[in-house]
Amino acid sequence: DEGAMVLGVVLENNNTVTFINLSGNQIGYEGVNGLGDGLETNNSLTDFFLGGNKIGDVGAYGLGEGLKFNSSVTIIDLRSNQIGDVGAMIMSEVLKTNRTVTQIDLSDNQIGDEGAEGLGEVLMTNKTVTQIDLSDNHIGDEGAYVMGEVLKTNMTVAQIDLSDNQIGDQGAIDLGEALTSNKTVTRIDLSDNQIGDVGAESLGVGLMTNSSVTYINLARN
């Protein structure tokens, strides 16, 4: 954490670094709070990788506070960070005001339907995020429903990864219905869920009229 806090101070004054990868360390909430402070004033960093740490929901709050004011970061990787529904809700609050983040990775965390719903509600109006990875979480049919609603209204998300969750036929039905009207998603990953014949059929019907999807993964359902 001390090293991350020092880096946060550096970011406050540095205007040249565009890429930082701090993945696979032992950074906790104190360290990421310092990084968040640095992001408030930094205007050069675009790619920020923090995967495989242990920031948790508390750290997500500190980082989120910085991202609310940041106007340069476009890619943020928070995979494998013990982030739950609370942390996901915090990130959704960030996306309400942030206008630069285009890719966000929240895979391999502890996000359930509540967190997915919070993110989904924001994505219905967000016009900058193009890629979102929520794979390997605890998202079920309720979360999939909200993501389906996102796809009905959002015109910027092109890639969505919901693999390795707990989505069943009902969730697939809702996503399939969304595909009939969505014109921007090109890639959707639903592998390693609990989708059966009924859900697969609905997705197939959606693809009959969809003209944008080029890749769909339904492996291991």
C-alpha atoms as a PDB file:
ATOM      1  CA  ASP A   1       0.000   0.000   0.000  1.00  0.00           C
ATOM      2  CA  GLU A   2       2.813   2.425   0.776  1.00  0.00           C
ATOM      3  CA  GLY A   3       4.238   2.061  -2.722  1.00  0.00           C
ATOM      4  CA  ALA A   4       0.838   2.636  -4.302  1.00  0.00           C
ATOM      5  CA  MET A   5       0.334   5.725  -2.161  1.00  0.00           C
ATOM      6  CA  VAL A   6       3.657   7.117  -3.397  1.00  0.00           C
ATOM      7  CA  LEU A   7       2.592   6.460  -6.976  1.00  0.00           C
ATOM      8  CA  GLY A   8      -0.610   8.354  -6.258  1.00  0.00           C
ATOM      9  CA  VAL A   9       1.413  11.402  -5.244  1.00  0.00           C
ATOM     10  CA  VAL A  10       3.460  11.064  -8.431  1.00  0.00           C
ATOM     11  CA  LEU A  11       0.302  10.960 -10.544  1.00  0.00           C
ATOM     12  CA  GLU A  12      -0.883  14.224  -9.034  1.00  0.00           C
ATOM     13  CA  ASN A  13       1.988  16.063 -10.732  1.00  0.00           C
ATOM     14  CA  ASN A  14       2.955  13.853 -13.672  1.00  0.00           C
ATOM     15  CA  ASN A  15       1.692  14.754 -17.130  1.00  0.00           C
ATOM     16  CA  THR A  16       3.540  12.234 -19.305  1.00  0.00           C
ATOM     17  CA  VAL A  17       2.710   8.679 -18.113  1.00  0.00           C
ATOM     18  CA  THR A  18      -0.145   7.186 -20.121  1.00  0.00           C
ATOM     19  CA  PHE A  19      -0.004   3.504 -19.068  1.00  0.00           C
ATOM     20  CA  ILE A  20       0.281   1.935 -15.595  1.00  0.00           C
ATOM     21  CA  ASN A  21       0.035  -1.778 -14.817  1.00  0.00           C
ATOM     22  CA  LEU A  22      -0.135  -2.661 -11.124  1.00  0.00           C
ATOM     23  CA  SER A  23      -1.752  -6.067 -11.593  1.00  0.00           C
ATOM     24  CA  GLY A  24      -1.007  -8.995  -9.308  1.00  0.00           C
ATOM     25  CA  ASN A  25       0.300  -7.100  -6.325  1.00  0.00           C
ATOM     26  CA  GLN A  26      -0.989  -6.816  -2.763  1.00  0.00           C
ATOM     27  CA  ILE A  27      -2.607  -3.419  -3.080  1.00  0.00           C
ATOM     28  CA  GLY A  28      -5.465  -2.890  -0.652  1.00  0.00           C
ATOM     29  CA  TYR A  29      -7.892  -0.088   0.002  1.00  0.00           C
ATOM     30  CA  GLU A  30      -5.310   2.285   1.504  1.00  0.00           C
ATOM     31  CA  GLY A  31      -3.054   2.058  -1.512  1.00  0.00           C
ATOM     32  CA  VAL A  32      -5.847   2.457  -4.015  1.00  0.00           C
ATOM     33  CA  ASN A  33      -7.218   5.438  -2.102  1.00  0.00           C
ATOM     34  CA  GLY A  34      -3.871   7.133  -2.708  1.00  0.00           C
ATOM     35  CA  LEU A  35      -4.045   6.247  -6.382  1.00  0.00           C
ATOM     36  CA  GLY A  36      -7.549   7.670  -6.508  1.00  0.00           C
ATOM     37  CA  ASP A  37      -6.282  10.936  -5.096  1.00  0.00           C
ATOM     38  CA  GLY A  38      -3.697  11.076  -7.851  1.00  0.00           C
ATOM     39  CA  LEU A  39      -6.290  10.449 -10.547  1.00  0.00           C
ATOM     40  CA  GLU A  40      -8.320  13.477  -9.483  1.00  0.00           C
ATOM     41  CA  THR A  41      -5.787  15.875 -11.012  1.00  0.00           C
ATOM     42  CA  ASN A  42      -3.854  13.683 -13.462  1.00  0.00           C
ATOM     43  CA  ASN A  43      -4.685  14.353 -17.106  1.00  0.00           C
ATOM     44  CA  SER A  44      -2.336  12.032 -18.992  1.00  0.00           C
ATOM     45  CA  LEU A  45      -3.013   8.466 -17.819  1.00  0.00           C
ATOM     46  CA  THR A  46      -5.253   6.532 -20.213  1.00  0.00           C
ATOM     47  CA  ASP A  47      -4.713   2.826 -19.379  1.00  0.00           C
ATOM     48  CA  PHE A  48      -4.982   1.789 -15.715  1.00  0.00           C
ATOM     49  CA  PHE A  49      -4.567  -1.896 -14.801  1.00  0.00           C
ATOM     50  CA  LEU A  50      -5.202  -2.942 -11.181  1.00  0.00           C
ATOM     51  CA  GLY A  51      -6.299  -6.539 -11.656  1.00  0.00           C
ATOM     52  CA  GLY A  52      -5.408  -9.231  -9.147  1.00  0.00           C
ATOM     53  CA  ASN A  53      -5.167  -7.050  -6.077  1.00  0.00           C
ATOM     54  CA  LYS A  54      -7.430  -6.845  -3.021  1.00  0.00           C
ATOM     55  CA  ILE A  55      -9.002  -3.424  -3.064  1.00  0.00           C
ATOM     56  CA  GLY A  56     -12.519  -4.628  -2.178  1.00  0.00           C
ATOM     57  CA  ASP A  57     -15.546  -2.364  -1.963  1.00  0.00           C
ATOM     58  CA  VAL A  58     -13.771   0.173   0.253  1.00  0.00           C
ATOM     59  CA  GLY A  59     -10.975   0.555  -2.261  1.00  0.00           C
ATOM     60  CA  ALA A  60     -13.500   0.834  -5.089  1.00  0.00           C
ATOM     61  CA  TYR A  61     -14.936   3.855  -3.297  1.00  0.00           C
ATOM     62  CA  GLY A  62     -11.565   5.606  -3.044  1.00  0.00           C
ATOM     63  CA  LEU A  63     -10.729   4.876  -6.658  1.00  0.00           C
ATOM     64  CA  GLY A  64     -14.193   5.924  -7.760  1.00  0.00           C
ATOM     65  CA  GLU A  65     -13.858   9.310  -6.113  1.00  0.00           C
ATOM     66  CA  GLY A  66     -10.781   9.959  -8.206  1.00  0.00           C
ATOM     67  CA  LEU A  67     -12.355   8.732 -11.432  1.00  0.00           C
ATOM     68  CA  LYS A  68     -15.325  11.054 -10.979  1.00  0.00           C
ATOM     69  CA  PHE A  69     -12.994  13.990 -11.573  1.00  0.00           C
ATOM     70  CA  ASN A  70     -10.553  12.346 -13.989  1.00  0.00           C
ATOM     71  CA  SER A  71     -10.833  13.204 -17.668  1.00  0.00           C
ATOM     72  CA  SER A  72      -8.152  11.020 -19.264  1.00  0.00           C
ATOM     73  CA  VAL A  73      -8.517   7.345 -18.224  1.00  0.00           C
ATOM     74  CA  THR A  74     -10.200   5.289 -20.947  1.00  0.00           C
ATOM     75  CA  ILE A  75      -9.372   1.706 -19.894  1.00  0.00           C
ATOM     76  CA  ILE A  76      -9.723   0.448 -16.321  1.00  0.00           C
ATOM     77  CA  ASP A  77      -9.031  -3.118 -15.236  1.00  0.00           C
ATOM     78  CA  LEU A  78     -10.358  -4.151 -11.810  1.00  0.00           C
ATOM     79  CA  ARG A  79     -10.591  -7.901 -12.338  1.00  0.00           C
ATOM     80  CA  SER A  80     -10.012 -10.223  -9.354  1.00  0.00           C
ATOM     81  CA  ASN A  81     -10.259  -7.583  -6.649  1.00  0.00           C
ATOM     82  CA  GLN A  82     -12.872  -8.918  -4.197  1.00  0.00           C
ATOM     83  CA  ILE A  83     -15.372  -6.308  -5.368  1.00  0.00           C
ATOM     84  CA  GLY A  84     -19.001  -7.029  -4.514  1.00  0.00           C
ATOM     85  CA  ASP A  85     -22.342  -5.395  -5.188  1.00  0.00           C
ATOM     86  CA  VAL A  86     -21.432  -2.306  -3.176  1.00  0.00           C
ATOM     87  CA  GLY A  87     -18.287  -1.765  -5.210  1.00  0.00           C
ATOM     88  CA  ALA A  88     -20.200  -2.285  -8.454  1.00  0.00           C
ATOM     89  CA  MET A  89     -22.737   0.323  -7.375  1.00  0.00           C
ATOM     90  CA  ILE A  90     -19.872   2.712  -6.667  1.00  0.00           C
ATOM     91  CA  MET A  91     -18.497   2.152 -10.161  1.00  0.00           C
ATOM     92  CA  SER A  92     -21.953   2.820 -11.558  1.00  0.00           C
ATOM     93  CA  GLU A  93     -21.948   6.191  -9.796  1.00  0.00           C
ATOM     94  CA  VAL A  94     -18.595   6.915 -11.447  1.00  0.00           C
ATOM     95  CA  LEU A  95     -20.003   6.171 -14.896  1.00  0.00           C
ATOM     96  CA  LYS A  96     -22.829   8.642 -14.310  1.00  0.00           C
ATOM     97  CA  THR A  97     -20.393  11.550 -14.508  1.00  0.00           C
ATOM     98  CA  ASN A  98     -17.228  10.172 -16.132  1.00  0.00           C
ATOM     99  CA  ARG A  99     -17.118  10.799 -19.886  1.00  0.00           C
ATOM    100  CA  THR A 100     -13.838   9.128 -20.865  1.00  0.00           C
ATOM    101  CA  VAL A 101     -13.915   5.475 -19.713  1.00  0.00           C
ATOM    102  CA  THR A 102     -14.598   3.244 -22.711  1.00  0.00           C
ATOM    103  CA  GLN A 103     -13.551  -0.163 -21.353  1.00  0.00           C
ATOM    104  CA  ILE A 104     -14.134  -1.531 -17.839  1.00  0.00           C
ATOM    105  CA  ASP A 105     -13.191  -4.990 -16.599  1.00  0.00           C
ATOM    106  CA  LEU A 106     -14.897  -6.192 -13.415  1.00  0.00           C
ATOM    107  CA  SER A 107     -14.471  -9.907 -14.057  1.00  0.00           C
ATOM    108  CA  ASP A 108     -13.676 -12.491 -11.385  1.00  0.00           C
ATOM    109  CA  ASN A 109     -15.185 -10.521  -8.538  1.00  0.00           C
ATOM    110  CA  GLN A 110     -18.207 -11.072  -6.276  1.00  0.00           C
ATOM    111  CA  ILE A 111     -20.818  -9.049  -8.120  1.00  0.00           C
ATOM    112  CA  GLY A 112     -24.389 -10.336  -8.049  1.00  0.00           C
ATOM    113  CA  ASP A 113     -27.677  -9.205  -9.533  1.00  0.00           C
ATOM    114  CA  GLU A 114     -27.849  -6.053  -7.423  1.00  0.00           C
ATOM    115  CA  GLY A 115     -24.483  -4.822  -8.644  1.00  0.00           C
ATOM    116  CA  ALA A 116     -25.308  -5.742 -12.232  1.00  0.00           C
ATOM    117  CA  GLU A 117     -28.592  -3.866 -11.975  1.00  0.00           C
ATOM    118  CA  GLY A 118     -26.797  -0.748 -10.742  1.00  0.00           C
ATOM    119  CA  LEU A 119     -24.321  -0.863 -13.596  1.00  0.00           C
ATOM    120  CA  GLY A 120     -27.094  -1.599 -16.082  1.00  0.00           C
ATOM    121  CA  GLU A 121     -29.202   1.369 -15.065  1.00  0.00           C
ATOM    122  CA  VAL A 122     -26.261   3.693 -15.707  1.00  0.00           C
ATOM    123  CA  LEU A 123     -25.348   2.066 -19.014  1.00  0.00           C
ATOM    124  CA  MET A 124     -28.849   2.795 -20.300  1.00  0.00           C
ATOM    125  CA  THR A 125     -27.814   6.448 -20.589  1.00  0.00           C
ATOM    126  CA  ASN A 126     -23.998   6.256 -20.714  1.00  0.00           C
ATOM    127  CA  LYS A 127     -22.619   7.144 -24.148  1.00  0.00           C
ATOM    128  CA  THR A 128     -18.917   6.343 -23.773  1.00  0.00           C
ATOM    129  CA  VAL A 129     -18.490   2.734 -22.560  1.00  0.00           C
ATOM    130  CA  THR A 130     -17.992   0.339 -25.473  1.00  0.00           C
ATOM    131  CA  GLN A 131     -16.736  -2.767 -23.654  1.00  0.00           C
ATOM    132  CA  ILE A 132     -17.763  -4.225 -20.286  1.00  0.00           C
ATOM    133  CA  ASP A 133     -16.558  -7.488 -18.774  1.00  0.00           C
ATOM    134  CA  LEU A 134     -18.633  -8.960 -15.943  1.00  0.00           C
ATOM    135  CA  SER A 135     -17.549 -12.564 -16.412  1.00  0.00           C
ATOM    136  CA  ASP A 136     -16.909 -14.917 -13.490  1.00  0.00           C
ATOM    137  CA  ASN A 137     -19.222 -13.193 -11.022  1.00  0.00           C
ATOM    138  CA  HIS A 138     -22.537 -14.210  -9.417  1.00  0.00           C
ATOM    139  CA  ILE A 139     -24.971 -12.677 -11.886  1.00  0.00           C
ATOM    140  CA  GLY A 140     -28.257 -14.494 -12.478  1.00  0.00           C
ATOM    141  CA  ASP A 141     -31.403 -13.956 -14.518  1.00  0.00           C
ATOM    142  CA  GLU A 142     -32.302 -10.671 -12.825  1.00  0.00           C
ATOM    143  CA  GLY A 143     -28.957  -9.157 -13.736  1.00  0.00           C
ATOM    144  CA  ALA A 144     -29.258 -10.521 -17.263  1.00  0.00           C
ATOM    145  CA  TYR A 145     -32.697  -8.902 -17.575  1.00  0.00           C
ATOM    146  CA  VAL A 146     -31.243  -5.494 -16.783  1.00  0.00           C
ATOM    147  CA  MET A 147     -28.401  -6.055 -19.248  1.00  0.00           C
ATOM    148  CA  GLY A 148     -31.038  -6.876 -21.822  1.00  0.00           C
ATOM    149  CA  GLU A 149     -32.753  -3.573 -21.088  1.00  0.00           C
ATOM    150  CA  VAL A 150     -29.379  -1.893 -21.567  1.00  0.00           C
ATOM    151  CA  LEU A 151     -29.014  -3.421 -25.011  1.00  0.00           C
ATOM    152  CA  LYS A 152     -32.461  -2.144 -25.988  1.00  0.00           C
ATOM    153  CA  THR A 153     -31.513   1.488 -25.377  1.00  0.00           C
ATOM    154  CA  ASN A 154     -27.703   1.801 -25.320  1.00  0.00           C
ATOM    155  CA  MET A 155     -26.128   2.655 -28.662  1.00  0.00           C
ATOM    156  CA  THR A 156     -22.427   2.485 -27.733  1.00  0.00           C
ATOM    157  CA  VAL A 157     -21.702  -0.869 -26.028  1.00  0.00           C
ATOM    158  CA  ALA A 158     -20.157  -3.163 -28.625  1.00  0.00           C
ATOM    159  CA  GLN A 159     -18.777  -5.981 -26.465  1.00  0.00           C
ATOM    160  CA  ILE A 160     -20.314  -7.537 -23.357  1.00  0.00           C
ATOM    161  CA  ASP A 161     -18.965 -10.532 -21.469  1.00  0.00           C
ATOM    162  CA  LEU A 162     -21.331 -12.317 -19.073  1.00  0.00           C
ATOM    163  CA  SER A 163     -19.606 -15.696 -19.183  1.00  0.00           C
ATOM    164  CA  ASP A 164     -19.171 -17.900 -16.119  1.00  0.00           C
ATOM    165  CA  ASN A 165     -22.156 -16.550 -14.226  1.00  0.00           C
ATOM    166  CA  GLN A 166     -25.498 -18.069 -13.188  1.00  0.00           C
ATOM    167  CA  ILE A 167     -27.694 -17.019 -16.098  1.00  0.00           C
ATOM    168  CA  GLY A 168     -30.450 -19.444 -17.049  1.00  0.00           C
ATOM    169  CA  ASP A 169     -33.122 -19.656 -19.715  1.00  0.00           C
ATOM    170  CA  GLN A 170     -35.061 -16.606 -18.534  1.00  0.00           C
ATOM    171  CA  GLY A 171     -31.986 -14.419 -18.670  1.00  0.00           C
ATOM    172  CA  ALA A 172     -31.199 -15.709 -22.149  1.00  0.00           C
ATOM    173  CA  ILE A 173     -34.783 -15.010 -23.248  1.00  0.00           C
ATOM    174  CA  ASP A 174     -34.458 -11.389 -22.112  1.00  0.00           C
ATOM    175  CA  LEU A 175     -31.120 -10.992 -23.859  1.00  0.00           C
ATOM    176  CA  GLY A 176     -32.514 -12.596 -26.996  1.00  0.00           C
ATOM    177  CA  GLU A 177     -35.387 -10.124 -27.089  1.00  0.00           C
ATOM    178  CA  ALA A 178     -32.901  -7.281 -26.741  1.00  0.00           C
ATOM    179  CA  LEU A 179     -30.905  -8.512 -29.734  1.00  0.00           C
ATOM    180  CA  THR A 180     -33.907  -8.008 -31.994  1.00  0.00           C
ATOM    181  CA  SER A 181     -33.613  -4.231 -31.622  1.00  0.00           C
ATOM    182  CA  ASN A 182     -29.946  -3.640 -30.730  1.00  0.00           C
ATOM    183  CA  LYS A 183     -27.764  -2.409 -33.587  1.00  0.00           C
ATOM    184  CA  THR A 184     -24.373  -1.903 -31.938  1.00  0.00           C
ATOM    185  CA  VAL A 185     -23.299  -5.060 -30.066  1.00  0.00           C
ATOM    186  CA  THR A 186     -20.836  -7.099 -32.095  1.00  0.00           C
ATOM    187  CA  ARG A 187     -19.602  -9.558 -29.461  1.00  0.00           C
ATOM    188  CA  ILE A 188     -21.481 -11.295 -26.627  1.00  0.00           C
ATOM    189  CA  ASP A 189     -20.106 -14.062 -24.426  1.00  0.00           C
ATOM    190  CA  LEU A 190     -22.545 -16.231 -22.454  1.00  0.00           C
ATOM    191  CA  SER A 191     -20.386 -19.329 -22.074  1.00  0.00           C
ATOM    192  CA  ASP A 192     -20.305 -21.276 -18.810  1.00  0.00           C
ATOM    193  CA  ASN A 193     -23.794 -20.350 -17.653  1.00  0.00           C
ATOM    194  CA  GLN A 194     -26.954 -22.430 -17.184  1.00  0.00           C
ATOM    195  CA  ILE A 195     -28.711 -21.786 -20.476  1.00  0.00           C
ATOM    196  CA  GLY A 196     -30.804 -24.625 -21.908  1.00  0.00           C
ATOM    197  CA  ASP A 197     -32.719 -25.222 -25.119  1.00  0.00           C
ATOM    198  CA  VAL A 198     -35.391 -22.609 -24.430  1.00  0.00           C
ATOM    199  CA  GLY A 199     -32.862 -19.866 -23.796  1.00  0.00           C
ATOM    200  CA  ALA A 200     -30.737 -20.858 -26.780  1.00  0.00           C
ATOM    201  CA  GLU A 201     -33.816 -20.783 -29.005  1.00  0.00           C
ATOM    202  CA  SER A 202     -34.647 -17.252 -27.878  1.00  0.00           C
ATOM    203  CA  LEU A 203     -31.116 -16.097 -28.595  1.00  0.00           C
ATOM    204  CA  GLY A 204     -31.374 -17.698 -32.027  1.00  0.00           C
ATOM    205  CA  VAL A 205     -34.597 -15.846 -32.770  1.00  0.00           C
ATOM    206  CA  GLY A 206     -32.923 -12.606 -31.734  1.00  0.00           C
ATOM    207  CA  LEU A 207     -30.020 -13.239 -34.074  1.00  0.00           C
ATOM    208  CA  MET A 208     -32.382 -13.777 -37.006  1.00  0.00           C
ATOM    209  CA  THR A 209     -33.148 -10.059 -37.108  1.00  0.00           C
ATOM    210  CA  ASN A 210     -29.962  -8.703 -35.524  1.00  0.00           C
ATOM    211  CA  SER A 211     -27.486  -7.281 -38.027  1.00  0.00           C
ATOM    212  CA  SER A 212     -24.541  -6.352 -35.784  1.00  0.00           C
ATOM    213  CA  VAL A 213     -23.475  -9.423 -33.766  1.00  0.00           C
ATOM    214  CA  THR A 214     -20.489 -11.175 -35.320  1.00  0.00           C
ATOM    215  CA  TYR A 215     -19.485 -13.338 -32.334  1.00  0.00           C
ATOM    216  CA  ILE A 216     -21.574 -15.193 -29.755  1.00  0.00           C
ATOM    217  CA  ASN A 217     -20.211 -17.787 -27.348  1.00  0.00           C
ATOM    218  CA  LEU A 218     -22.554 -20.301 -25.709  1.00  0.00           C
ATOM    219  CA  ALA A 219     -20.001 -22.980 -24.876  1.00  0.00           C
ATOM    220  CA  ARG A 220     -20.429 -25.157 -21.772  1.00  0.00           C
ATOM    221  CA  ASN A 221     -24.054 -24.419 -20.943  1.00  0.00           C
END
